[in-house]
């Protein structure tokens, strides 16, 4: 067991519609302390900064969590990624233009609880009409 007084977070995104990592997706990180806001005892969200996914779909430089963090929120700005992907596809094959309007979910917000000393890897499996997340390793 780790003796660290803070948790740590990492993430990556796989575009399941292409079977490839999703590069260039902006990811923001926020944290709060206390119980869930649903119970009326949660603290305010504190924006910590962000990053963008690299060629492997990974964010390797997310900010550290402050001591006392109990909840983390990852916000993924996926709409620009799908708009770029659609524009690139239209440029490569103009005869096969898709009339779709981009992503059904323009952004994905994932909120999860953390405990000090643990590492949380939270992958996002993404496609234009759905997503799933899980606690990875």
C-alpha atoms as a PDB file:
ATOM      1  CA  UNK A   1       0.000   0.000   0.000  1.00  0.00           C
ATOM      2  CA  UNK A   2       1.258   3.447  -0.896  1.00  0.00           C
ATOM      3  CA  UNK A   3       1.965   6.032   1.777  1.00  0.00           C
ATOM      4  CA  UNK A   4       1.095   8.946  -0.517  1.00  0.00           C
ATOM      5  CA  UNK A   5      -1.452  11.427   0.819  1.00  0.00           C
ATOM      6  CA  UNK A   6      -2.964  12.036  -2.618  1.00  0.00           C
ATOM      7  CA  UNK A   7      -4.465   9.927  -5.379  1.00  0.00           C
ATOM      8  CA  UNK A   8      -3.244  10.111  -8.974  1.00  0.00           C
ATOM      9  CA  UNK A   9      -5.136   9.921 -12.269  1.00  0.00           C
ATOM     10  CA  UNK A  10      -4.343   8.938 -15.838  1.00  0.00           C
ATOM     11  CA  UNK A  11      -6.510   8.288 -18.884  1.00  0.00           C
ATOM     12  CA  UNK A  12      -6.475   7.275 -22.497  1.00  0.00           C
ATOM     13  CA  UNK A  13      -9.067   7.218 -25.274  1.00  0.00           C
ATOM     14  CA  UNK A  14      -9.690   4.516 -27.842  1.00  0.00           C
ATOM     15  CA  UNK A  15     -11.907   5.370 -30.800  1.00  0.00           C
ATOM     16  CA  UNK A  16     -13.735   2.051 -31.148  1.00  0.00           C
ATOM     17  CA  UNK A  17     -15.271   3.095 -34.484  1.00  0.00           C
ATOM     18  CA  UNK A  18     -11.780   3.181 -35.980  1.00  0.00           C
ATOM     19  CA  UNK A  19      -9.998   0.719 -33.704  1.00  0.00           C
ATOM     20  CA  UNK A  20      -7.353   3.357 -33.032  1.00  0.00           C
ATOM     21  CA  UNK A  21      -6.312   5.776 -30.299  1.00  0.00           C
ATOM     22  CA  UNK A  22      -8.084   9.144 -30.348  1.00  0.00           C
ATOM     23  CA  UNK A  23      -5.399  11.799 -30.798  1.00  0.00           C
ATOM     24  CA  UNK A  24      -5.842  15.487 -29.971  1.00  0.00           C
ATOM     25  CA  UNK A  25      -8.800  15.276 -27.589  1.00  0.00           C
ATOM     26  CA  UNK A  26      -8.719  18.013 -24.943  1.00  0.00           C
ATOM     27  CA  UNK A  27      -9.111  16.676 -21.398  1.00  0.00           C
ATOM     28  CA  UNK A  28      -9.792  18.844 -18.339  1.00  0.00           C
ATOM     29  CA  UNK A  29      -9.329  17.699 -14.760  1.00  0.00           C
ATOM     30  CA  UNK A  30     -11.235  18.964 -11.719  1.00  0.00           C
ATOM     31  CA  UNK A  31     -11.278  17.822  -8.100  1.00  0.00           C
ATOM     32  CA  UNK A  32     -13.267  18.358  -4.938  1.00  0.00           C
ATOM     33  CA  UNK A  33     -13.192  17.182  -1.357  1.00  0.00           C
ATOM     34  CA  UNK A  34     -16.063  16.009   0.820  1.00  0.00           C
ATOM     35  CA  UNK A  35     -19.007  13.780   0.085  1.00  0.00           C
ATOM     36  CA  UNK A  36     -21.006  13.802  -3.119  1.00  0.00           C
ATOM     37  CA  UNK A  37     -22.921  17.020  -3.711  1.00  0.00           C
ATOM     38  CA  UNK A  38     -26.057  14.861  -3.864  1.00  0.00           C
ATOM     39  CA  UNK A  39     -25.811  14.564  -0.080  1.00  0.00           C
ATOM     40  CA  UNK A  40     -25.349  18.290   0.401  1.00  0.00           C
ATOM     41  CA  UNK A  41     -21.856  18.028   1.871  1.00  0.00           C
ATOM     42  CA  UNK A  42     -19.680  18.198  -1.234  1.00  0.00           C
ATOM     43  CA  UNK A  43     -17.117  20.894  -1.796  1.00  0.00           C
ATOM     44  CA  UNK A  44     -16.947  23.020  -4.906  1.00  0.00           C
ATOM     45  CA  UNK A  45     -15.209  21.688  -7.986  1.00  0.00           C
ATOM     46  CA  UNK A  46     -11.704  23.080  -8.404  1.00  0.00           C
ATOM     47  CA  UNK A  47     -10.355  23.186 -11.968  1.00  0.00           C
ATOM     48  CA  UNK A  48      -6.814  21.828 -11.991  1.00  0.00           C
ATOM     49  CA  UNK A  49      -5.927  22.209 -15.654  1.00  0.00           C
ATOM     50  CA  UNK A  50      -5.788  19.836 -18.520  1.00  0.00           C
ATOM     51  CA  UNK A  51      -3.988  18.256 -21.387  1.00  0.00           C
ATOM     52  CA  UNK A  52      -4.693  16.645 -24.754  1.00  0.00           C
ATOM     53  CA  UNK A  53      -4.326  13.078 -25.889  1.00  0.00           C
ATOM     54  CA  UNK A  54      -1.156  12.168 -27.770  1.00  0.00           C
ATOM     55  CA  UNK A  55      -0.729   9.843 -30.753  1.00  0.00           C
ATOM     56  CA  UNK A  56      -1.340   6.855 -28.478  1.00  0.00           C
ATOM     57  CA  UNK A  57      -4.563   8.431 -27.145  1.00  0.00           C
ATOM     58  CA  UNK A  58      -2.940   9.015 -23.739  1.00  0.00           C
ATOM     59  CA  UNK A  59      -2.761  12.039 -21.440  1.00  0.00           C
ATOM     60  CA  UNK A  60       0.605  11.667 -19.767  1.00  0.00           C
ATOM     61  CA  UNK A  61       0.748  15.072 -18.097  1.00  0.00           C
ATOM     62  CA  UNK A  62      -2.481  15.582 -16.169  1.00  0.00           C
ATOM     63  CA  UNK A  63      -2.036  17.814 -13.118  1.00  0.00           C
ATOM     64  CA  UNK A  64      -1.514  16.305  -9.675  1.00  0.00           C
ATOM     65  CA  UNK A  65      -4.505  16.089  -7.350  1.00  0.00           C
ATOM     66  CA  UNK A  66      -4.485  18.261  -4.234  1.00  0.00           C
ATOM     67  CA  UNK A  67      -4.367  16.652  -0.829  1.00  0.00           C
ATOM     68  CA  UNK A  68      -7.838  15.835   0.485  1.00  0.00           C
ATOM     69  CA  UNK A  69      -9.340  15.101  -2.946  1.00  0.00           C
ATOM     70  CA  UNK A  70     -12.273  12.700  -2.705  1.00  0.00           C
ATOM     71  CA  UNK A  71     -13.865  13.109  -6.142  1.00  0.00           C
ATOM     72  CA  UNK A  72     -12.388  13.686  -9.580  1.00  0.00           C
ATOM     73  CA  UNK A  73     -14.024  14.782 -12.808  1.00  0.00           C
ATOM     74  CA  UNK A  74     -12.507  14.245 -16.244  1.00  0.00           C
ATOM     75  CA  UNK A  75     -14.090  16.302 -19.033  1.00  0.00           C
ATOM     76  CA  UNK A  76     -13.353  15.105 -22.565  1.00  0.00           C
ATOM     77  CA  UNK A  77     -14.059  17.541 -25.442  1.00  0.00           C
ATOM     78  CA  UNK A  78     -14.847  14.918 -28.100  1.00  0.00           C
ATOM     79  CA  UNK A  79     -16.849  16.976 -30.600  1.00  0.00           C
ATOM     80  CA  UNK A  80     -13.803  18.696 -32.177  1.00  0.00           C
ATOM     81  CA  UNK A  81     -12.138  15.281 -32.524  1.00  0.00           C
ATOM     82  CA  UNK A  82     -15.106  13.845 -34.448  1.00  0.00           C
ATOM     83  CA  UNK A  83     -15.495  17.015 -36.550  1.00  0.00           C
ATOM     84  CA  UNK A  84     -11.841  16.761 -37.605  1.00  0.00           C
ATOM     85  CA  UNK A  85     -12.183  13.045 -38.260  1.00  0.00           C
ATOM     86  CA  UNK A  86     -15.259  13.658 -40.427  1.00  0.00           C
ATOM     87  CA  UNK A  87     -13.550  16.500 -42.333  1.00  0.00           C
ATOM     88  CA  UNK A  88     -10.481  14.316 -42.960  1.00  0.00           C
ATOM     89  CA  UNK A  89     -12.687  11.461 -44.213  1.00  0.00           C
ATOM     90  CA  UNK A  90     -14.551  13.793 -46.578  1.00  0.00           C
ATOM     91  CA  UNK A  91     -11.283  15.116 -47.953  1.00  0.00           C
ATOM     92  CA  UNK A  92      -9.978  11.573 -48.534  1.00  0.00           C
ATOM     93  CA  UNK A  93     -13.194  10.269 -50.105  1.00  0.00           C
ATOM     94  CA  UNK A  94     -15.486  13.121 -51.193  1.00  0.00           C
ATOM     95  CA  UNK A  95     -17.838  10.725 -53.027  1.00  0.00           C
ATOM     96  CA  UNK A  96     -18.682   9.027 -49.719  1.00  0.00           C
ATOM     97  CA  UNK A  97     -19.619  12.077 -47.687  1.00  0.00           C
ATOM     98  CA  UNK A  98     -21.444  11.333 -44.472  1.00  0.00           C
ATOM     99  CA  UNK A  99     -24.377  13.604 -43.744  1.00  0.00           C
ATOM    100  CA  UNK A 100     -23.904  13.116 -39.989  1.00  0.00           C
ATOM    101  CA  UNK A 101     -23.592  16.113 -37.722  1.00  0.00           C
ATOM    102  CA  UNK A 102     -20.532  14.894 -35.801  1.00  0.00           C
ATOM    103  CA  UNK A 103     -20.746  13.362 -32.367  1.00  0.00           C
ATOM    104  CA  UNK A 104     -24.036  12.691 -30.624  1.00  0.00           C
ATOM    105  CA  UNK A 105     -22.222  13.361 -27.325  1.00  0.00           C
ATOM    106  CA  UNK A 106     -20.196  16.570 -27.828  1.00  0.00           C
ATOM    107  CA  UNK A 107     -18.463  16.116 -24.505  1.00  0.00           C
ATOM    108  CA  UNK A 108     -18.088  13.354 -21.962  1.00  0.00           C
ATOM    109  CA  UNK A 109     -17.827  14.070 -18.228  1.00  0.00           C
ATOM    110  CA  UNK A 110     -16.759  11.248 -15.941  1.00  0.00           C
ATOM    111  CA  UNK A 111     -16.919  11.680 -12.155  1.00  0.00           C
ATOM    112  CA  UNK A 112     -15.441   9.131  -9.770  1.00  0.00           C
ATOM    113  CA  UNK A 113     -14.418   8.751  -6.132  1.00  0.00           C
ATOM    114  CA  UNK A 114     -10.785   8.393  -5.088  1.00  0.00           C
ATOM    115  CA  UNK A 115      -8.868   7.526  -1.939  1.00  0.00           C
ATOM    116  CA  UNK A 116      -5.373   8.752  -1.007  1.00  0.00           C
ATOM    117  CA  UNK A 117      -2.451   6.666  -2.182  1.00  0.00           C
ATOM    118  CA  UNK A 118      -4.314   4.958  -5.041  1.00  0.00           C
ATOM    119  CA  UNK A 119      -3.733   5.405  -8.769  1.00  0.00           C
ATOM    120  CA  UNK A 120      -6.801   5.614 -11.010  1.00  0.00           C
ATOM    121  CA  UNK A 121      -6.473   4.890 -14.712  1.00  0.00           C
ATOM    122  CA  UNK A 122      -9.792   5.672 -16.401  1.00  0.00           C
ATOM    123  CA  UNK A 123      -9.918   4.714 -20.095  1.00  0.00           C
ATOM    124  CA  UNK A 124     -12.632   6.088 -22.373  1.00  0.00           C
ATOM    125  CA  UNK A 125     -13.882   3.842 -25.190  1.00  0.00           C
ATOM    126  CA  UNK A 126     -15.476   6.187 -27.681  1.00  0.00           C
ATOM    127  CA  UNK A 127     -17.509   6.185 -30.880  1.00  0.00           C
ATOM    128  CA  UNK A 128     -19.753   8.860 -32.438  1.00  0.00           C
ATOM    129  CA  UNK A 129     -22.918   7.517 -30.797  1.00  0.00           C
ATOM    130  CA  UNK A 130     -21.759   6.100 -27.484  1.00  0.00           C
ATOM    131  CA  UNK A 131     -19.004   5.642 -24.956  1.00  0.00           C
ATOM    132  CA  UNK A 132     -18.011   3.516 -21.995  1.00  0.00           C
ATOM    133  CA  UNK A 133     -15.498   3.907 -19.209  1.00  0.00           C
ATOM    134  CA  UNK A 134     -13.963   1.653 -16.607  1.00  0.00           C
ATOM    135  CA  UNK A 135     -11.280   1.648 -13.956  1.00  0.00           C
ATOM    136  CA  UNK A 136      -8.213   0.278 -15.662  1.00  0.00           C
ATOM    137  CA  UNK A 137      -4.811  -0.577 -14.314  1.00  0.00           C
END
